[in-house]
């Protein structure tokens, strides 16, 4: 049995550490340009590469740099400079442009073909392999049966598939709507997601008077489309059929979410790590899958679907809700102002949400990652307060954290 790699997103150092602590086998990230999250602000800088590599190498985790936007004429020098600069620190580059592939070949670096290339058959995979690709991220439109056939037809090439996260209404995410409406190209990582918005239908009157005014009084009538989310695809969640994905011969399970927060990265990585390990040991069951699904529901998500793994175009692929359905939400409570390592005690200044014993808290930090705890006794010198209000400070038992780490109160939501 081939045990797939768990590939987690990393938008910053807090997310990176969360992925490492949660059991990721590999992470993927961007450097601010030429990737599909260029505008989102969730990118590292070239100067961060040595630290990224150091942290990952400590845990034997691979690093993949996303260079999967299209490249225009005159930009090759900048892309080539990025490849040369990143080459010592990454294991492979994720690409979708033939020009970028040529640059990877020129510098002898490993590259994976992005889902943006819409590879959906074994002939295409074989051709990409002949050009040097060591891995192909299949089009999201491939069914589970097709994924299995492709992986068996080309065993020399690793097959990567998305298993969780946001989906795009367009073919493999190659959408022109954002560019048409806002001048921000999805193919350049600038998408502002107009598909997630509300829409109206406007009546058009073909009859005008001599001055160009509509003849009918109701010509400018407009109607809000119901449901609002006519172009907003549901999120993919494959936790219920992880065993079948493993059987299909997939080499890497990719979790979408470089624009998501560190708790999302931690939760999703932990869930798929546990599921894959259970498949490997023979312990995977529907009961386990159901429990992990509940865990996944605690972080940002739209309605879940099985994607297109079981048929195109798929039934019930569009979201009914515009908002996140996460069963928990983080409320900023305060910041760590000291940590006493020998005693395992954190001193926290409460800046916003009050906290009480029994509350669930999370501590986030670039080095700490994400640590969760149930708050025990709180103290302020010799005082044992029942609540820590805004503007006060308290100490309490906590996992290792650092000065400046953010502390969040985790609120449970009921739908």
Protein backbone atom coordinates (compact mmCIF):
# COMPACT_ATOMS: atom_id res chain seq x y z
CA UNK A 1 0.00 0.00 0.00
CA UNK A 2 1.33 3.43 -0.98
CA UNK A 3 0.89 5.81 1.96
CA UNK A 4 0.24 9.31 0.58
CA UNK A 5 2.05 12.41 1.69
CA UNK A 6 0.05 14.96 3.71
CA UNK A 7 0.74 18.30 2.02
CA UNK A 8 -0.27 21.34 4.07
CA UNK A 9 -0.52 25.03 3.14
CA UNK A 10 1.66 27.65 4.82
CA UNK A 11 0.90 31.35 4.51
CA UNK A 12 3.18 32.55 7.31
CA UNK A 13 5.47 31.19 10.01
CA UNK A 14 2.59 30.55 12.44
CA UNK A 15 0.84 28.41 9.82
CA UNK A 16 4.12 26.72 8.93
CA UNK A 17 4.79 25.74 12.54
CA UNK A 18 1.19 24.59 12.95
CA UNK A 19 1.56 22.31 9.91
CA UNK A 20 4.84 20.88 11.20
CA UNK A 21 3.43 20.21 14.66
CA UNK A 22 0.29 18.63 13.19
CA UNK A 23 2.22 15.99 11.26
CA UNK A 24 2.53 17.32 7.71
CA UNK A 25 4.93 15.46 5.43
CA UNK A 26 5.35 18.51 3.19
CA UNK A 27 4.30 22.15 2.97
CA UNK A 28 3.71 24.48 0.05
CA UNK A 29 4.06 28.25 0.10
CA UNK A 30 4.64 31.34 -2.03
CA UNK A 31 7.13 34.20 -2.09
CA UNK A 32 4.72 37.00 -2.97
CA UNK A 33 4.76 36.87 -6.79
CA UNK A 34 4.00 34.44 -9.60
CA UNK A 35 1.69 32.25 -7.52
CA UNK A 36 -2.04 31.76 -7.15
CA UNK A 37 -2.24 33.63 -3.84
CA UNK A 38 -0.12 36.62 -4.84
CA UNK A 39 -2.66 39.23 -3.73
CA UNK A 40 -3.81 37.64 -0.48
CA UNK A 41 -0.87 38.74 1.65
CA UNK A 42 -0.17 35.17 2.73
CA UNK A 43 3.31 34.89 1.34
CA UNK A 44 6.84 34.66 2.66
CA UNK A 45 9.81 36.75 1.55
CA UNK A 46 12.95 35.36 -0.09
CA UNK A 47 14.84 36.20 3.10
CA UNK A 48 12.62 33.70 4.96
CA UNK A 49 13.80 30.73 2.90
CA UNK A 50 16.68 29.65 5.17
CA UNK A 51 14.43 29.64 8.24
CA UNK A 52 11.67 27.76 6.40
CA UNK A 53 14.19 25.14 5.33
CA UNK A 54 15.71 24.90 8.82
CA UNK A 55 12.37 24.27 10.51
CA UNK A 56 11.25 21.75 7.92
CA UNK A 57 14.54 19.85 7.77
CA UNK A 58 14.43 19.44 11.55
CA UNK A 59 11.29 17.34 11.11
CA UNK A 60 12.11 15.81 7.74
CA UNK A 61 9.38 17.80 5.99
CA UNK A 62 9.63 18.70 2.28
CA UNK A 63 9.15 22.21 0.89
CA UNK A 64 7.39 23.09 -2.38
CA UNK A 65 7.44 26.63 -3.74
CA UNK A 66 4.39 27.73 -5.74
CA UNK A 67 5.31 29.45 -9.01
CA UNK A 68 2.04 28.50 -10.65
CA UNK A 69 0.80 31.78 -12.14
CA UNK A 70 1.07 32.47 -15.86
CA UNK A 71 4.23 34.30 -16.95
CA UNK A 72 4.04 37.19 -19.40
CA UNK A 73 6.71 38.31 -21.84
CA UNK A 74 9.47 40.22 -20.11
CA UNK A 75 9.04 38.46 -16.76
CA UNK A 76 11.33 35.48 -17.33
CA UNK A 77 14.34 37.14 -15.70
CA UNK A 78 12.40 37.74 -12.46
CA UNK A 79 11.05 34.19 -12.37
CA UNK A 80 14.49 32.77 -13.13
CA UNK A 81 15.98 34.85 -10.33
CA UNK A 82 13.40 33.40 -7.92
CA UNK A 83 14.21 29.84 -9.02
CA UNK A 84 17.94 30.37 -8.55
CA UNK A 85 17.44 32.01 -5.15
CA UNK A 86 15.05 29.34 -3.86
CA UNK A 87 16.79 26.28 -5.34
CA UNK A 88 18.99 25.53 -2.28
CA UNK A 89 16.01 25.66 0.09
CA UNK A 90 13.14 23.84 -1.62
CA UNK A 91 12.53 20.31 -2.85
CA UNK A 92 10.38 21.22 -5.85
CA UNK A 93 8.58 24.03 -7.64
CA UNK A 94 4.84 23.97 -8.42
CA UNK A 95 4.37 25.34 -11.96
CA UNK A 96 1.70 25.73 -14.64
CA UNK A 97 3.39 27.80 -17.36
CA UNK A 98 5.50 26.18 -20.08
CA UNK A 99 8.00 29.02 -19.88
CA UNK A 100 8.47 28.39 -16.16
CA UNK A 101 8.89 24.69 -16.91
CA UNK A 102 11.67 25.57 -19.34
CA UNK A 103 13.39 27.66 -16.66
CA UNK A 104 13.13 24.76 -14.19
CA UNK A 105 14.68 22.44 -16.77
CA UNK A 106 17.43 24.96 -17.45
CA UNK A 107 18.42 24.99 -13.79
CA UNK A 108 17.93 21.29 -13.14
CA UNK A 109 15.30 21.71 -10.44
CA UNK A 110 12.45 19.33 -9.71
CA UNK A 111 9.01 20.59 -10.67
CA UNK A 112 5.41 19.53 -10.08
CA UNK A 113 2.73 20.48 -12.59
CA UNK A 114 -0.06 22.49 -10.95
CA UNK A 115 -3.76 21.74 -11.19
CA UNK A 116 -3.98 25.00 -13.18
CA UNK A 117 -2.76 23.03 -16.20
CA UNK A 118 -6.00 20.97 -16.09
CA UNK A 119 -4.27 17.62 -16.60
CA UNK A 120 -7.06 15.07 -16.79
CA UNK A 121 -5.78 12.02 -18.67
CA UNK A 122 -2.83 9.63 -18.68
CA UNK A 123 -1.55 10.72 -22.11
CA UNK A 124 -1.07 14.25 -20.80
CA UNK A 125 0.64 12.91 -17.67
CA UNK A 126 3.03 10.83 -19.78
CA UNK A 127 3.87 13.83 -21.94
CA UNK A 128 4.53 16.02 -18.89
CA UNK A 129 6.75 13.28 -17.49
CA UNK A 130 8.72 13.26 -20.76
CA UNK A 131 9.35 16.96 -20.18
CA UNK A 132 10.76 16.31 -16.71
CA UNK A 133 7.76 16.58 -14.38
CA UNK A 134 8.09 14.29 -11.36
CA UNK A 135 4.58 14.94 -10.09
CA UNK A 136 1.29 16.07 -11.61
CA UNK A 137 -1.53 17.67 -9.64
CA UNK A 138 -4.57 16.41 -11.51
CA UNK A 139 -7.46 18.64 -12.55
CA UNK A 140 -10.05 18.85 -9.81
CA UNK A 141 -12.62 17.70 -12.37
CA UNK A 142 -11.21 14.16 -12.40
CA UNK A 143 -13.44 11.50 -10.87
CA UNK A 144 -12.08 8.98 -8.42
CA UNK A 145 -12.21 6.27 -11.09
CA UNK A 146 -10.22 8.42 -13.50
CA UNK A 147 -7.64 9.25 -10.82
CA UNK A 148 -7.15 5.53 -10.19
CA UNK A 149 -6.79 4.75 -13.90
CA UNK A 150 -4.27 7.57 -14.42
CA UNK A 151 -2.12 6.66 -11.42
CA UNK A 152 -1.94 3.04 -12.58
CA UNK A 153 -1.28 3.96 -16.21
CA UNK A 154 1.73 6.13 -15.32
CA UNK A 155 3.29 4.63 -12.16
CA UNK A 156 6.57 6.48 -12.75
CA UNK A 157 4.96 9.84 -11.99
CA UNK A 158 3.55 10.89 -8.62
CA UNK A 159 -0.11 11.91 -8.67
CA UNK A 160 -1.25 14.66 -6.33
CA UNK A 161 -4.90 15.51 -5.63
CA UNK A 162 -6.75 18.02 -3.50
CA UNK A 163 -8.55 16.40 -0.58
CA UNK A 164 -9.90 19.38 1.35
CA UNK A 165 -10.72 23.06 1.09
CA UNK A 166 -12.25 25.71 -1.14
CA UNK A 167 -13.17 24.90 -4.72
CA UNK A 168 -13.51 27.18 -7.75
CA UNK A 169 -16.53 27.17 -10.03
CA UNK A 170 -14.23 27.44 -13.05
CA UNK A 171 -12.32 24.64 -14.76
CA UNK A 172 -9.35 23.92 -12.46
CA UNK A 173 -9.57 27.47 -11.16
CA UNK A 174 -8.82 29.10 -14.51
CA UNK A 175 -11.43 31.84 -14.25
CA UNK A 176 -11.66 35.18 -16.08
CA UNK A 177 -14.54 36.67 -14.08
CA UNK A 178 -12.38 38.60 -11.62
CA UNK A 179 -10.29 40.03 -14.46
CA UNK A 180 -13.38 41.03 -16.45
CA UNK A 181 -15.10 42.78 -13.54
CA UNK A 182 -12.20 44.16 -11.50
CA UNK A 183 -9.11 43.89 -13.72
CA UNK A 184 -7.63 41.39 -11.24
CA UNK A 185 -6.64 38.13 -12.91
CA UNK A 186 -7.24 34.82 -11.15
CA UNK A 187 -4.56 33.34 -13.38
CA UNK A 188 -2.08 35.75 -11.80
CA UNK A 189 -3.11 35.05 -8.22
CA UNK A 190 -5.15 38.26 -7.91
CA UNK A 191 -8.70 36.87 -7.77
CA UNK A 192 -11.12 38.91 -5.65
CA UNK A 193 -13.71 36.10 -5.78
CA UNK A 194 -16.73 37.80 -7.37
CA UNK A 195 -18.29 34.32 -7.57
CA UNK A 196 -18.84 34.42 -3.79
CA UNK A 197 -21.01 37.57 -4.01
CA UNK A 198 -24.72 38.25 -4.41
CA UNK A 199 -26.19 38.78 -7.87
CA UNK A 200 -29.16 40.62 -9.34
CA UNK A 201 -31.02 40.18 -12.61
CA UNK A 202 -31.91 43.44 -14.33
CA UNK A 203 -34.71 43.83 -16.86
CA UNK A 204 -33.60 45.23 -20.21
CA UNK A 205 -36.15 47.28 -22.18
CA UNK A 206 -35.61 47.16 -25.93
CA UNK A 207 -38.09 49.95 -26.60
CA UNK A 208 -36.85 53.53 -26.18
CA UNK A 209 -38.27 56.91 -27.13
CA UNK A 210 -36.53 59.48 -29.29
CA UNK A 211 -34.44 60.64 -26.35
CA UNK A 212 -33.21 57.13 -25.53
CA UNK A 213 -35.40 56.71 -22.44
CA UNK A 214 -37.22 53.41 -21.78
CA UNK A 215 -40.85 53.37 -22.84
CA UNK A 216 -42.01 51.17 -19.98
CA UNK A 217 -41.96 52.49 -16.44
CA UNK A 218 -40.64 49.23 -14.96
CA UNK A 219 -37.80 48.86 -17.45
CA UNK A 220 -35.17 49.32 -14.73
CA UNK A 221 -36.63 46.67 -12.44
CA UNK A 222 -34.11 44.33 -10.89
CA UNK A 223 -34.41 41.13 -8.88
CA UNK A 224 -32.04 39.60 -6.41
CA UNK A 225 -31.14 36.07 -7.42
CA UNK A 226 -32.12 33.35 -4.96
CA UNK A 227 -30.23 31.57 -3.60
CA UNK A 228 -27.53 34.23 -3.47
CA UNK A 229 -24.72 31.74 -3.94
CA UNK A 230 -25.39 30.71 -7.54
CA UNK A 231 -21.67 30.65 -8.43
CA UNK A 232 -20.15 29.82 -5.05
CA UNK A 233 -18.91 26.23 -4.98
CA UNK A 234 -19.07 24.17 -1.80
CA UNK A 235 -15.86 23.21 -0.03
CA UNK A 236 -14.30 19.82 -0.64
CA UNK A 237 -14.15 17.38 2.27
CA UNK A 238 -12.93 13.87 1.50
CA UNK A 239 -12.42 12.64 5.06
CA UNK A 240 -15.28 10.15 4.57
CA UNK A 241 -13.56 8.30 1.71
CA UNK A 242 -9.86 8.66 2.50
CA UNK A 243 -9.47 4.88 2.20
CA UNK A 244 -10.69 4.99 -1.40
CA UNK A 245 -8.33 7.85 -2.23
CA UNK A 246 -5.43 5.79 -0.87
CA UNK A 247 -6.55 2.80 -2.93
CA UNK A 248 -6.57 5.02 -6.03
CA UNK A 249 -2.79 5.33 -5.78
CA UNK A 250 -2.56 9.04 -4.99
CA UNK A 251 0.93 10.01 -3.82
CA UNK A 252 0.08 13.31 -2.16
CA UNK A 253 -3.05 14.58 -0.37
CA UNK A 254 -3.17 18.35 -0.82
CA UNK A 255 -5.03 20.56 1.65
CA UNK A 256 -6.15 23.87 0.16
CA UNK A 257 -5.85 26.97 2.33
CA UNK A 258 -2.81 29.24 2.06
CA UNK A 259 -5.14 32.15 2.84
CA UNK A 260 -6.56 30.42 5.93
CA UNK A 261 -5.41 30.90 9.51
CA UNK A 262 -3.09 28.69 11.52
CA UNK A 263 -5.87 26.94 13.41
CA UNK A 264 -7.39 25.83 10.09
CA UNK A 265 -3.99 24.49 9.00
CA UNK A 266 -3.48 22.67 12.30
CA UNK A 267 -6.96 21.15 12.41
CA UNK A 268 -7.07 19.98 8.79
CA UNK A 269 -3.54 18.58 8.85
CA UNK A 270 -4.20 16.67 12.08
CA UNK A 271 -7.45 15.24 10.73
CA UNK A 272 -6.01 13.91 7.46
CA UNK A 273 -2.85 12.72 9.23
CA UNK A 274 -4.96 10.64 11.59
CA UNK A 275 -7.15 9.33 8.77
CA UNK A 276 -4.24 8.28 6.56
CA UNK A 277 -2.43 6.66 9.48
CA UNK A 278 -5.62 4.76 10.31
CA UNK A 279 -5.87 3.47 6.73
CA UNK A 280 -2.24 2.32 6.93
CA UNK A 281 -2.85 0.45 10.19
CA UNK A 282 -6.22 -0.97 9.16
CA UNK A 283 -8.07 1.10 11.76
CA UNK A 284 -9.92 3.45 9.39
CA UNK A 285 -13.69 3.30 9.87
CA UNK A 286 -16.77 5.37 9.21
CA UNK A 287 -16.96 6.13 12.92
CA UNK A 288 -13.46 7.60 12.78
CA UNK A 289 -14.33 9.55 9.63
CA UNK A 290 -17.45 10.98 11.29
CA UNK A 291 -15.45 12.08 14.33
CA UNK A 292 -12.83 13.74 12.15
CA UNK A 293 -15.51 15.46 10.10
CA UNK A 294 -16.84 17.06 13.29
CA UNK A 295 -13.30 18.26 13.98
CA UNK A 296 -13.03 19.73 10.47
CA UNK A 297 -16.36 21.49 10.94
CA UNK A 298 -14.85 23.48 13.80
CA UNK A 299 -12.76 25.66 11.46
CA UNK A 300 -13.63 27.86 8.49
CA UNK A 301 -15.71 26.11 5.85
CA UNK A 302 -18.69 26.46 3.60
CA UNK A 303 -21.04 23.51 3.18
CA UNK A 304 -19.02 20.38 2.50
CA UNK A 305 -19.23 18.28 -0.64
CA UNK A 306 -17.38 15.34 -2.16
CA UNK A 307 -16.15 17.55 -4.97
CA UNK A 308 -16.29 15.91 -8.40
CA UNK A 309 -14.77 12.61 -7.29
CA UNK A 310 -18.06 10.81 -7.85
CA UNK A 311 -19.25 12.45 -11.04
CA UNK A 312 -19.34 15.59 -13.13
CA UNK A 313 -20.77 18.13 -12.75
CA UNK A 314 -21.78 16.75 -9.39
CA UNK A 315 -24.95 17.05 -7.33
CA UNK A 316 -25.34 19.79 -4.75
CA UNK A 317 -22.05 21.49 -5.59
CA UNK A 318 -23.15 25.04 -4.79
CA UNK A 319 -23.19 26.58 -1.33
CA UNK A 320 -26.47 27.62 0.29
CA UNK A 321 -24.76 29.93 2.77
CA UNK A 322 -22.58 32.96 2.20
CA UNK A 323 -20.82 32.68 5.55
CA UNK A 324 -18.46 30.28 7.24
CA UNK A 325 -20.21 27.40 9.01
CA UNK A 326 -17.36 26.81 11.46
CA UNK A 327 -18.67 25.50 14.78
CA UNK A 328 -16.05 27.54 16.63
CA UNK A 329 -14.81 31.09 16.24
CA UNK A 330 -11.76 32.75 17.78
CA UNK A 331 -12.13 35.97 19.80
CA UNK A 332 -8.94 37.87 20.50
CA UNK A 333 -8.34 37.91 24.24
CA UNK A 334 -4.84 39.27 24.73
CA UNK A 335 -1.11 38.84 24.36
CA UNK A 336 1.58 36.89 26.21
CA UNK A 337 3.82 39.33 28.10
CA UNK A 338 6.00 36.74 29.86
CA UNK A 339 6.51 33.00 30.13
CA UNK A 340 8.08 31.18 33.07
CA UNK A 341 9.45 28.02 31.48
CA UNK A 342 10.31 26.08 34.67
CA UNK A 343 6.82 26.52 36.07
CA UNK A 344 5.04 26.31 32.71
CA UNK A 345 3.22 29.56 33.47
CA UNK A 346 2.18 32.26 30.99
CA UNK A 347 1.51 35.86 31.94
CA UNK A 348 -1.12 37.38 29.66
CA UNK A 349 -2.40 40.91 29.28
CA UNK A 350 -6.12 40.88 28.53
CA UNK A 351 -6.79 43.36 25.74
CA UNK A 352 -10.21 42.33 24.44
CA UNK A 353 -12.33 39.29 25.32
CA UNK A 354 -12.48 38.31 29.01
CA UNK A 355 -11.44 34.78 29.99
CA UNK A 356 -12.56 32.46 32.79
CA UNK A 357 -11.46 29.08 34.16
CA UNK A 358 -12.97 26.37 31.98
CA UNK A 359 -12.68 28.41 28.77
CA UNK A 360 -10.96 26.93 25.74
CA UNK A 361 -8.04 29.09 24.65
CA UNK A 362 -5.61 29.04 21.77
CA UNK A 363 -2.16 30.61 21.71
CA UNK A 364 -0.78 31.54 18.27
CA UNK A 365 2.77 32.57 17.43
CA UNK A 366 5.33 32.44 14.65
CA UNK A 367 7.52 30.04 16.66
CA UNK A 368 4.81 28.58 18.90
CA UNK A 369 2.45 27.63 16.08
CA UNK A 370 -0.97 26.88 17.59
CA UNK A 371 -1.39 25.56 21.12
CA UNK A 372 -4.83 24.85 22.61
CA UNK A 373 -5.71 24.47 26.27
CA UNK A 374 -8.63 24.45 28.67
CA UNK A 375 -8.00 27.27 31.11
CA UNK A 376 -7.46 26.20 34.69
CA UNK A 377 -6.93 28.43 37.69
CA UNK A 378 -5.96 32.03 36.96
CA UNK A 379 -3.93 34.18 39.33
CA UNK A 380 -2.86 37.77 39.76
CA UNK A 381 -0.12 37.79 42.39
CA UNK A 382 -1.86 36.33 45.49
CA UNK A 383 -5.35 36.94 44.08
CA UNK A 384 -7.36 34.13 42.43
CA UNK A 385 -9.90 36.01 40.31
CA UNK A 386 -12.99 34.37 38.82
CA UNK A 387 -12.58 36.27 35.57
CA UNK A 388 -9.79 38.16 33.78
CA UNK A 389 -11.33 41.33 32.40
CA UNK A 390 -10.08 43.63 29.66
CA UNK A 391 -7.25 45.85 30.91
CA UNK A 392 -5.99 43.35 33.52
CA UNK A 393 -3.29 40.70 33.50
CA UNK A 394 -3.30 37.14 34.81
CA UNK A 395 -1.05 34.09 34.93
CA UNK A 396 -2.04 30.50 34.21
CA UNK A 397 -0.62 27.11 33.27
CA UNK A 398 0.07 26.93 29.54
CA UNK A 399 2.14 25.04 26.97
CA UNK A 400 5.45 26.59 25.92
CA UNK A 401 4.80 29.94 24.28
CA UNK A 402 6.62 33.22 23.66
CA UNK A 403 6.33 36.89 24.51
CA UNK A 404 4.15 38.55 21.88
CA UNK A 405 2.09 35.44 21.09
CA UNK A 406 -1.62 36.13 20.64
CA UNK A 407 -4.18 34.54 22.95
CA UNK A 408 -7.67 33.73 21.68
CA UNK A 409 -10.89 32.71 23.41
CA UNK A 410 -12.55 29.89 21.44
CA UNK A 411 -16.31 30.39 21.25
CA UNK A 412 -18.65 27.52 20.38
CA UNK A 413 -21.34 28.24 17.80
CA UNK A 414 -24.69 26.54 17.31
CA UNK A 415 -26.43 26.38 13.95
